[in-house]
Protein backbone atom coordinates (compact mmCIF):
# COMPACT_ATOMS: atom_id res chain seq x y z
CA MET A 1 0.00 0.00 0.00
CA PRO A 2 1.62 3.33 -1.04
CA CYS A 3 2.47 5.92 1.57
CA PRO A 4 -0.33 8.59 1.37
CA LEU A 5 0.63 12.22 0.75
CA ASP A 6 -0.96 13.31 4.02
CA ASP A 7 1.30 10.87 5.89
CA ILE A 8 4.35 12.33 4.12
CA SER A 9 3.26 15.80 5.17
CA LYS A 10 3.01 14.63 8.77
CA ILE A 11 6.59 13.33 8.58
CA LEU A 12 7.74 16.76 7.40
CA ILE A 13 5.72 18.55 10.08
CA PHE A 14 7.19 16.30 12.77
CA ALA A 15 10.76 16.95 11.55
CA PHE A 16 10.06 20.70 11.43
CA LYS A 17 8.69 20.72 14.97
CA ALA A 18 11.72 18.82 16.24
CA ALA A 19 14.07 21.30 14.56
CA ILE A 20 12.22 24.33 15.96
CA ILE A 21 12.10 23.07 19.54
CA THR A 22 15.83 22.42 19.62
CA LEU A 23 16.51 26.03 18.69
CA TYR A 24 15.27 26.97 22.17
CA LEU A 25 17.49 24.57 24.06
CA THR A 26 20.15 26.69 25.72
CA GLY A 27 22.08 24.13 27.66
CA GLY A 28 20.03 23.27 30.74
CA TYR A 29 20.57 19.76 32.00
CA PRO A 30 18.24 17.74 32.47
CA HIS A 31 14.80 19.39 32.46
CA GLU A 32 15.00 20.33 28.76
CA LYS A 33 15.66 16.68 27.99
CA LEU A 34 12.49 15.58 29.76
CA LEU A 35 10.44 18.27 28.02
CA LEU A 36 11.87 17.31 24.66
CA THR A 37 11.14 13.61 25.21
CA LEU A 38 7.52 14.43 26.04
CA PHE A 39 7.37 16.71 23.02
CA CYS A 40 8.60 13.97 20.68
CA LEU A 41 6.07 11.53 22.06
CA SER A 42 3.28 14.08 21.58
CA CYS A 43 4.27 14.54 17.94
CA PHE A 44 3.37 10.95 17.22
CA ALA A 45 0.05 10.91 19.08
CA PRO A 46 -2.19 12.54 16.41
CA PHE A 47 -1.26 10.00 13.73
CA ALA A 48 -0.08 6.89 15.58
CA ALA A 49 -2.93 4.84 14.15
CA ALA A 50 -1.63 5.31 10.58
CA GLY A 51 0.99 2.55 10.95
CA ASP A 52 3.54 1.02 13.30
CA TRP A 53 5.11 3.17 15.96
CA GLY A 54 7.39 2.29 18.81
CA ALA A 55 10.15 3.10 21.24
CA ALA A 56 13.70 1.87 21.71
CA VAL A 57 16.43 1.69 24.34
CA LYS A 58 20.01 1.57 23.05
CA LEU A 59 23.42 0.91 24.58
CA GLY A 60 26.52 1.48 22.53
CA TYR A 61 29.94 2.93 21.96
CA GLY A 62 30.93 5.94 19.86
CA GLU A 63 34.13 7.62 18.80
CA ASN A 64 35.52 10.77 20.22
CA ASP A 65 37.23 12.09 17.07
CA PRO A 66 40.74 10.51 17.24
CA GLN A 67 42.66 13.59 16.05
CA THR A 68 40.84 15.90 18.44
CA MET A 69 41.42 13.51 21.33
CA GLN A 70 45.12 13.29 20.45
CA ASP A 71 45.38 17.08 20.40
CA LEU A 72 43.67 17.26 23.79
CA PHE A 73 45.91 14.53 25.18
CA ASP A 74 49.05 16.35 23.97
CA TYR A 75 47.75 19.56 25.54
CA ALA A 76 46.90 17.80 28.81
CA THR A 77 50.27 16.09 29.22
CA ALA A 78 52.17 19.24 28.26
CA TYR A 79 50.55 21.05 31.19
CA ASN A 80 50.81 18.20 33.69
CA ARG A 81 47.20 17.17 33.19
CA GLU A 82 45.44 13.86 32.60
CA LEU A 83 42.69 13.16 30.05
CA SER A 84 40.15 10.41 30.75
CA LYS A 85 37.77 9.78 27.85
CA SER A 86 34.59 7.73 27.58
CA GLY A 87 32.86 6.51 24.42
CA GLY A 88 29.77 5.04 26.06
CA ILE A 89 26.31 5.96 24.75
CA PHE A 90 22.88 5.47 26.29
CA ALA A 91 19.99 6.43 24.01
CA LEU A 92 16.20 6.58 23.94
CA GLU A 93 14.22 6.70 20.72
CA VAL A 94 10.67 7.05 19.40
CA LEU A 95 9.71 6.11 15.84
CA HIS A 96 6.89 5.79 13.39
CA GLU A 97 6.73 3.72 10.19
CA TRP A 98 4.45 3.76 7.14
CA PRO A 99 4.21 0.91 4.59
CA SER A 100 5.50 1.96 1.16
CA SER A 101 4.92 -1.47 -0.38
CA GLU A 102 3.94 -4.96 0.77
CA GLU A 103 7.34 -5.56 2.40
CA ASN A 104 9.01 -2.15 2.75
CA LYS A 105 8.44 0.85 4.99
CA ILE A 106 9.35 4.52 5.31
CA GLY A 107 10.03 5.73 8.84
CA VAL A 108 10.94 8.75 10.91
CA LYS A 109 12.51 8.64 14.36
CA ALA A 110 13.77 11.04 17.00
CA GLY A 111 16.28 10.13 19.68
CA LEU A 112 17.95 11.39 22.80
CA ASP A 113 21.59 10.29 23.04
CA PHE A 114 23.53 10.64 26.29
CA TYR A 115 27.30 10.43 25.79
CA GLY A 116 29.81 9.23 28.34
CA GLU A 117 31.68 11.97 30.18
CA ASN A 118 35.21 13.01 29.24
CA GLU A 119 37.31 14.31 32.14
CA LEU A 120 40.34 16.57 32.07
CA LYS A 121 42.06 16.29 35.45
CA LEU A 122 43.94 19.42 36.42
CA HIS A 123 46.51 18.42 39.03
CA GLY A 124 45.96 20.58 42.07
CA LEU A 125 43.01 22.37 40.47
CA GLY A 126 40.31 19.71 40.28
CA THR A 127 38.59 18.14 37.27
CA ALA A 128 36.90 19.62 34.21
CA THR A 129 34.07 17.37 33.00
CA GLU A 130 32.45 17.37 29.56
CA GLU A 131 28.72 16.53 29.56
CA THR A 132 27.17 16.05 26.13
CA TYR A 133 23.86 14.96 24.67
CA ALA A 134 22.46 14.87 21.14
CA ILE A 135 18.99 14.90 19.60
CA PRO A 136 19.07 13.09 16.24
CA VAL A 137 16.09 13.21 13.86
CA THR A 138 16.27 10.63 11.06
CA VAL A 139 14.21 9.65 8.01
CA TYR A 140 14.87 6.08 6.86
CA TYR A 141 13.86 3.34 4.42
CA LYS A 142 13.34 -0.16 5.79
CA TRP A 143 13.39 -3.48 3.97
CA ASN A 144 10.88 -5.17 6.25
CA LYS A 145 11.00 -8.99 6.19
CA GLY A 146 8.37 -9.61 8.86
CA LEU A 147 8.25 -11.79 11.98
CA GLN A 148 11.11 -14.12 12.91
CA ASN A 149 13.29 -12.66 10.21
CA TRP A 150 15.99 -10.03 9.67
CA SER A 151 15.07 -6.57 8.41
CA TYR A 152 17.47 -3.89 7.13
CA TRP A 153 17.29 -0.11 7.01
CA LEU A 154 19.23 2.97 5.88
CA GLY A 155 18.62 6.60 6.77
CA LEU A 156 19.95 10.12 7.02
CA GLY A 157 19.16 13.04 9.23
CA LEU A 158 20.17 16.02 11.31
CA SER A 159 21.43 16.03 14.90
CA TYR A 160 21.44 18.77 17.52
CA LEU A 161 24.42 18.47 19.89
CA HIS A 162 24.77 20.31 23.19
CA THR A 163 27.85 20.14 25.38
CA GLU A 164 29.02 21.65 28.67
CA LEU A 165 32.55 21.87 30.02
CA ASP A 166 32.53 23.49 33.44
CA ASP A 167 31.27 27.06 32.86
CA LEU A 168 31.49 26.83 29.05
CA SER A 169 28.66 25.50 26.90
CA ASP A 170 27.69 25.53 23.25
CA SER A 171 25.55 23.74 20.67
CA LYS A 172 25.46 22.99 16.96
CA PHE A 173 23.61 21.08 14.25
CA PHE A 174 25.34 18.50 12.08
CA PRO A 175 24.33 15.79 9.57
CA HIS A 176 24.49 12.05 10.12
CA ILE A 177 23.91 8.83 8.18
CA THR A 178 22.70 5.67 9.82
CA GLY A 179 21.76 2.08 9.10
CA GLY A 180 21.20 -1.21 10.82
CA VAL A 181 19.60 -4.62 11.07
CA GLU A 182 17.02 -6.02 13.45
CA TYR A 183 15.44 -9.39 14.16
CA ARG A 184 11.70 -9.28 14.87
CA PHE A 185 11.05 -11.90 17.56
CA THR A 186 7.39 -11.01 18.01
CA GLN A 187 4.94 -8.43 16.71
CA ALA A 188 5.88 -6.25 19.68
CA PHE A 189 9.65 -6.73 20.08
CA ALA A 190 12.80 -6.67 17.95
CA LEU A 191 16.51 -6.69 18.77
CA GLY A 192 18.96 -5.00 16.45
CA LEU A 193 22.33 -3.45 15.75
CA ASP A 194 22.47 0.24 14.77
CA LEU A 195 25.39 2.03 13.12
CA LYS A 196 25.70 5.81 12.78
CA TYR A 197 28.30 8.19 11.41
CA ASN A 198 28.37 11.81 12.59
CA PHE A 199 29.86 14.49 10.34
CA SER A 200 31.58 17.66 11.58
CA SER A 201 30.27 17.65 15.16
CA LYS A 202 33.28 19.42 16.69
CA ILE A 203 32.35 22.25 19.06
CA THR A 204 34.83 24.97 20.02
CA LYS A 205 34.32 28.11 22.06
CA ASP A 206 36.80 30.88 22.91
CA GLY A 207 39.57 28.76 21.39
CA ALA A 208 38.81 25.72 23.56
CA VAL A 209 37.54 22.39 22.23
CA LEU A 210 34.45 21.42 24.21
CA SER A 211 33.45 18.24 22.37
CA ASP A 212 33.96 16.31 19.14
CA ARG A 213 31.67 13.33 18.57
CA SER A 214 32.45 13.05 14.86
CA GLY A 215 32.87 9.51 13.58
CA LEU A 216 31.32 6.09 13.85
CA SER A 217 29.16 4.70 16.66
CA ALA A 218 27.44 1.34 17.15
CA ALA A 219 24.67 0.32 19.52
CA LEU A 220 22.53 -2.65 20.47
CA ALA A 221 18.87 -1.65 20.30
CA GLY A 222 15.82 -3.18 21.89
CA ARG A 223 12.70 -1.93 20.08
CA PHE A 224 9.13 -2.20 21.25
CA TYR A 225 6.40 -1.81 18.61
CA PHE A 226 2.80 -0.78 19.31
């Protein structure tokens, strides 16, 4: 069954809403995240009956850009400092899918990615901690193979990244591409592997690098469909 034009318009409206709301995020931590999660869920409510929708919990690992981390490490050791980096990622996600043919689907999803903290230990002066989260919005195409089978998908989108390093904070938008596989155990649950590549996500302010999550990440995803 083809994807109706009104459903396509709802995808575009959802993506536009997500982009607008992130413009007003100014770095608070964590009440904006809760509000944004509720906002994303509300976006799906008016048209959830049009197809499959669901939620996911993801655990994974992502790169801190290697060259940026090397530059920071060289800076830290030169000034008798120690850099401790973390690539862990915990993510939440909501999604909605429309059938484009008997086996394939078009989907849109919005996530909330919490990155592991990087710490720059200043000997005798304490520790500077980087806290970063991202809000990716993705449109994707899914080769849906049904129950007790593997399905595959590819997508692209835009992410909003916000980072804080002590009293410095900043944000930016950057593009990403993503893809993955999942095995649908039941009508309500699937387990999958997601891959994502972030482009040009480096954030600097006043000459200091606050964060750089450019590069590849991978995550195990448990998805619940409704």
